[in-house]
N, C-alpha and C. Protein backbone atom coordinates (compact mmCIF):
# COMPACT_ATOMS: atom_id res chain seq x y z
N UNK A 1 137.59 116.86 189.40
CA UNK A 1 136.12 117.45 189.05
C UNK A 1 135.31 115.92 188.55
N UNK A 2 134.44 115.58 188.68
CA UNK A 2 133.32 114.90 188.15
C UNK A 2 132.60 114.47 187.19
N UNK A 3 132.82 115.56 186.29
CA UNK A 3 131.73 116.10 185.06
C UNK A 3 131.76 114.89 183.94
N UNK A 4 130.73 114.90 183.34
CA UNK A 4 130.85 114.08 182.29
C UNK A 4 131.44 114.31 181.02
N UNK A 5 131.94 113.24 180.77
CA UNK A 5 132.74 113.61 179.42
C UNK A 5 132.42 114.53 178.34
N UNK A 6 131.10 114.40 178.08
CA UNK A 6 130.08 115.05 176.91
C UNK A 6 130.60 117.02 177.64
N UNK A 7 130.10 117.05 178.74
CA UNK A 7 130.16 118.29 179.63
C UNK A 7 131.38 118.55 179.00
N UNK A 8 132.56 118.19 179.41
CA UNK A 8 133.69 118.62 179.24
C UNK A 8 133.87 118.66 177.66
N UNK A 9 133.84 117.81 177.16
CA UNK A 9 134.08 118.24 175.69
C UNK A 9 133.31 119.37 175.22
N UNK A 10 131.94 119.83 175.22
CA UNK A 10 131.35 120.70 175.11
C UNK A 10 132.08 122.36 175.61
N UNK A 11 132.54 122.18 176.96
CA UNK A 11 133.24 123.37 176.72
C UNK A 11 134.47 123.92 176.32
N UNK A 12 135.48 122.77 176.02
CA UNK A 12 136.60 122.41 175.08
C UNK A 12 136.22 122.93 173.72
N UNK A 13 135.20 122.99 173.17
CA UNK A 13 134.72 122.62 172.29
C UNK A 13 134.56 124.75 172.04
N UNK A 14 133.74 125.19 173.00
CA UNK A 14 133.73 126.55 172.97
C UNK A 14 134.77 127.32 173.35
N UNK A 15 135.50 126.67 173.79
CA UNK A 15 137.32 127.43 174.01
C UNK A 15 137.83 127.46 172.51
N UNK A 16 137.56 126.49 171.89
CA UNK A 16 138.52 126.41 170.46
C UNK A 16 137.41 127.57 169.81
N UNK A 17 136.73 127.28 169.70
CA UNK A 17 135.92 128.17 168.95
C UNK A 17 136.05 129.63 169.40
N UNK A 18 136.45 130.01 170.55
CA UNK A 18 136.79 131.23 171.02
C UNK A 18 138.06 131.68 170.37
N UNK A 19 138.77 130.71 170.22
CA UNK A 19 140.39 130.78 169.60
C UNK A 19 140.44 131.25 168.28
N UNK A 20 139.35 130.38 167.93
CA UNK A 20 139.08 130.66 166.44
C UNK A 20 138.71 131.67 165.62
N UNK A 21 137.83 131.96 166.01
CA UNK A 21 136.80 132.93 165.93
C UNK A 21 136.88 134.77 166.37
N UNK A 22 137.36 134.44 167.84
CA UNK A 22 137.44 135.66 168.20
C UNK A 22 139.14 135.81 168.56
N UNK A 23 139.92 135.39 168.88
CA UNK A 23 140.99 135.46 169.43
C UNK A 23 142.12 135.40 168.01
N UNK A 24 141.63 134.41 166.94
CA UNK A 24 142.69 134.11 165.71
C UNK A 24 144.45 133.50 166.26
N UNK A 25 144.40 132.93 167.54
CA UNK A 25 145.47 132.69 168.02
C UNK A 25 145.88 131.46 167.65
N UNK A 26 147.00 131.25 166.13
CA UNK A 26 147.33 129.86 166.06
C UNK A 26 147.97 128.99 167.09
N UNK A 27 148.53 129.56 167.86
CA UNK A 27 149.71 128.96 168.71
C UNK A 27 148.58 128.53 169.94
N UNK A 28 147.64 129.09 170.12
CA UNK A 28 146.87 128.75 171.00
C UNK A 28 146.00 127.77 170.90
N UNK A 29 145.17 127.77 169.97
CA UNK A 29 144.34 126.86 169.19
C UNK A 29 145.54 125.13 169.41
N UNK A 30 146.55 125.35 168.56
CA UNK A 30 147.25 124.18 168.52
C UNK A 30 147.61 123.71 169.95
N UNK A 31 147.90 124.81 170.83
CA UNK A 31 148.37 123.79 172.30
C UNK A 31 146.89 123.56 172.67
N UNK A 32 145.81 123.80 172.46
CA UNK A 32 144.52 123.59 173.03
C UNK A 32 144.08 121.79 172.24
N UNK A 33 144.18 122.22 170.90
CA UNK A 33 144.29 120.75 170.28
C UNK A 33 145.18 119.57 170.74
N UNK A 34 146.11 119.92 171.10
CA UNK A 34 147.11 118.78 171.58
C UNK A 34 146.71 118.16 173.37
N UNK A 35 146.09 119.47 173.83
CA UNK A 35 146.14 119.21 175.30
C UNK A 35 145.26 118.18 175.08
N UNK A 36 143.68 118.84 174.24
CA UNK A 36 142.39 118.31 174.05
C UNK A 36 142.44 116.90 174.06
N UNK A 37 143.57 116.83 172.99
CA UNK A 37 143.44 115.61 172.17
C UNK A 37 142.37 114.80 171.41
N UNK A 38 141.70 116.27 170.37
CA UNK A 38 140.66 116.39 169.64
C UNK A 38 140.87 115.52 168.43
N UNK A 39 140.39 114.27 167.56
CA UNK A 39 140.90 113.81 166.63
C UNK A 39 140.30 114.70 165.13
N UNK A 40 141.26 114.23 164.05
CA UNK A 40 141.32 114.80 163.00
C UNK A 40 139.66 115.20 162.86
N UNK A 41 139.05 113.75 162.81
CA UNK A 41 137.69 113.93 162.37
C UNK A 41 136.78 114.92 163.32
N UNK A 42 136.98 115.38 164.82
CA UNK A 42 136.23 115.89 165.53
C UNK A 42 136.81 117.66 165.43
N UNK A 43 137.71 117.76 164.99
CA UNK A 43 138.34 119.20 164.79
C UNK A 43 137.87 119.50 163.50
N UNK A 44 137.35 119.23 162.37
CA UNK A 44 136.99 118.96 161.26
C UNK A 44 135.41 119.58 161.66
N UNK A 45 134.82 118.45 162.38
CA UNK A 45 133.26 119.00 162.37
C UNK A 45 133.39 120.24 163.23
N UNK A 46 133.96 120.39 163.93
CA UNK A 46 134.20 121.56 164.76
C UNK A 46 134.18 122.49 164.01
N UNK A 47 135.17 122.87 163.27
CA UNK A 47 135.32 124.27 162.50
C UNK A 47 134.03 124.40 161.25
N UNK A 48 133.63 122.82 160.66
CA UNK A 48 132.63 122.98 159.94
C UNK A 48 131.37 123.99 160.32
N UNK A 49 131.33 123.21 161.71
CA UNK A 49 130.12 123.91 162.54
C UNK A 49 130.23 125.39 162.94
N UNK A 50 131.53 125.65 163.04
CA UNK A 50 131.99 127.25 163.48
C UNK A 50 131.52 128.21 161.71
N UNK A 51 132.16 127.38 160.66
CA UNK A 51 131.76 127.78 159.53
C UNK A 51 130.41 128.20 159.22
N UNK A 52 129.55 126.96 159.25
CA UNK A 52 128.18 127.36 159.42
C UNK A 52 127.35 128.35 160.34
N UNK A 53 127.98 128.05 161.26
CA UNK A 53 127.28 129.42 162.49
C UNK A 53 127.45 130.40 161.90
N UNK A 54 128.41 130.71 161.37
CA UNK A 54 128.73 132.20 160.80
C UNK A 54 128.42 132.51 159.43
N UNK A 55 128.53 131.71 158.68
CA UNK A 55 127.64 131.90 157.13
C UNK A 55 126.00 132.23 157.99
N UNK A 56 125.30 131.61 158.86
CA UNK A 56 123.76 132.00 159.25
C UNK A 56 123.94 133.09 159.93
N UNK A 57 125.01 133.58 160.59
CA UNK A 57 124.61 135.18 161.27
C UNK A 57 125.03 135.60 159.88
N UNK A 58 125.22 135.95 158.78
CA UNK A 58 125.80 136.75 157.90
C UNK A 58 124.49 136.95 157.04
N UNK A 59 124.15 138.37 157.00
CA UNK A 59 122.68 138.41 156.08
C UNK A 59 122.96 138.19 154.67
N UNK A 60 122.40 137.73 153.76
CA UNK A 60 122.45 137.19 152.50
C UNK A 60 122.94 138.42 151.95
N UNK A 61 124.00 138.31 150.92
CA UNK A 61 124.62 139.26 150.14
C UNK A 61 125.18 140.36 150.94
N UNK A 62 125.69 140.21 152.11
CA UNK A 62 126.47 141.10 152.68
C UNK A 62 127.64 141.12 153.13
N UNK A 63 128.27 140.35 152.28
CA UNK A 63 129.81 140.12 152.54
C UNK A 63 130.34 138.83 153.41
N UNK A 64 131.47 139.13 153.43
CA UNK A 64 132.03 138.05 154.14
C UNK A 64 132.30 138.43 155.66
N UNK A 65 131.72 137.83 156.56
CA UNK A 65 131.73 138.24 157.86
C UNK A 65 132.90 137.75 158.78
N UNK A 66 133.02 138.54 159.92
CA UNK A 66 133.97 137.81 160.60
C UNK A 66 135.81 138.27 159.83
N UNK A 67 135.99 139.46 159.56
CA UNK A 67 137.00 139.62 158.89
C UNK A 67 137.82 139.98 160.14
N UNK A 68 139.46 140.19 160.34
CA UNK A 68 140.43 140.20 160.50
C UNK A 68 141.88 140.32 159.90
N UNK A 69 142.40 141.43 160.98
CA UNK A 69 143.95 141.02 159.99
C UNK A 69 144.88 140.14 161.01
N UNK A 70 145.20 139.34 160.01
CA UNK A 70 146.44 138.28 160.22
C UNK A 70 147.71 138.85 160.32
N UNK A 71 148.32 139.05 161.48
CA UNK A 71 150.05 139.18 161.51
C UNK A 71 150.92 138.26 160.65
N UNK A 72 150.86 137.18 160.41
CA UNK A 72 151.11 136.44 160.05
C UNK A 72 151.55 136.51 158.21
N UNK A 73 150.21 136.70 157.79
CA UNK A 73 149.91 136.71 156.21
C UNK A 73 149.99 138.08 156.00
N UNK A 74 149.88 139.45 156.61
CA UNK A 74 150.10 140.72 156.45
C UNK A 74 148.34 141.18 155.93
N UNK A 75 147.59 140.30 155.77
CA UNK A 75 146.28 140.80 155.49
C UNK A 75 145.11 140.06 155.87
N UNK A 76 143.81 141.00 155.93
CA UNK A 76 142.40 140.42 156.55
C UNK A 76 142.39 139.46 155.81
N UNK A 77 141.91 138.76 156.77
CA UNK A 77 141.11 136.82 156.20
C UNK A 77 139.72 136.92 157.10
N UNK A 78 139.03 136.33 156.34
CA UNK A 78 138.14 135.60 157.02
C UNK A 78 137.97 134.69 157.68
N UNK A 79 137.23 134.28 158.01
CA UNK A 79 137.75 133.04 159.37
C UNK A 79 137.70 132.10 158.78
N UNK A 80 137.18 131.24 157.05
CA UNK A 80 137.18 130.37 156.86
C UNK A 80 138.43 130.23 156.01
N UNK A 81 139.14 131.27 155.65
CA UNK A 81 141.01 131.60 155.54
C UNK A 81 141.58 131.15 156.14
N UNK A 82 141.65 131.74 157.33
CA UNK A 82 141.49 131.88 158.42
C UNK A 82 142.19 130.41 158.70
N UNK A 83 141.41 129.50 159.23
CA UNK A 83 140.97 128.25 159.17
C UNK A 83 142.50 127.53 158.24
N UNK A 84 141.93 127.75 156.72
CA UNK A 84 142.44 126.99 156.27
C UNK A 84 143.96 127.13 156.05
N UNK A 85 144.37 128.37 156.59
CA UNK A 85 145.75 128.61 156.50
C UNK A 85 146.17 127.44 158.03
N UNK A 86 145.63 127.80 159.13
CA UNK A 86 146.33 127.68 160.41
C UNK A 86 145.73 126.29 161.21
N UNK A 87 144.57 125.94 160.93
CA UNK A 87 143.85 124.60 161.51
C UNK A 87 143.81 123.72 160.78
N UNK A 88 143.24 123.65 159.96
CA UNK A 88 143.25 122.26 159.02
C UNK A 88 144.69 121.73 158.10
N UNK A 89 146.01 122.39 157.68
CA UNK A 89 146.85 121.70 157.62
C UNK A 89 147.81 120.58 158.79
N UNK A 90 146.92 121.63 160.07
CA UNK A 90 147.66 120.91 161.24
C UNK A 90 147.07 119.60 161.63
N UNK A 91 145.83 119.37 161.33
CA UNK A 91 145.09 118.19 161.98
C UNK A 91 145.58 117.03 161.18
């Protein structure tokens, strides 16, 4: 495959975004981070972009968006809580 690095990285970031926001799959996220060899800085930038986009989607005063049950904690977690628990400590 002869795709430019920027295009490949964009696809990788979209896949990570899906695993973080939709799937909430910590093992999958860690496997992709290892496979894609993203730097800690790149992961932090991606996470900040994800959280910013979610905040933009949420109407003011409507509470926390993207809350899902987390089997690991037995609690409902928003994306930012989930990221703090499963993604940021591992970069």
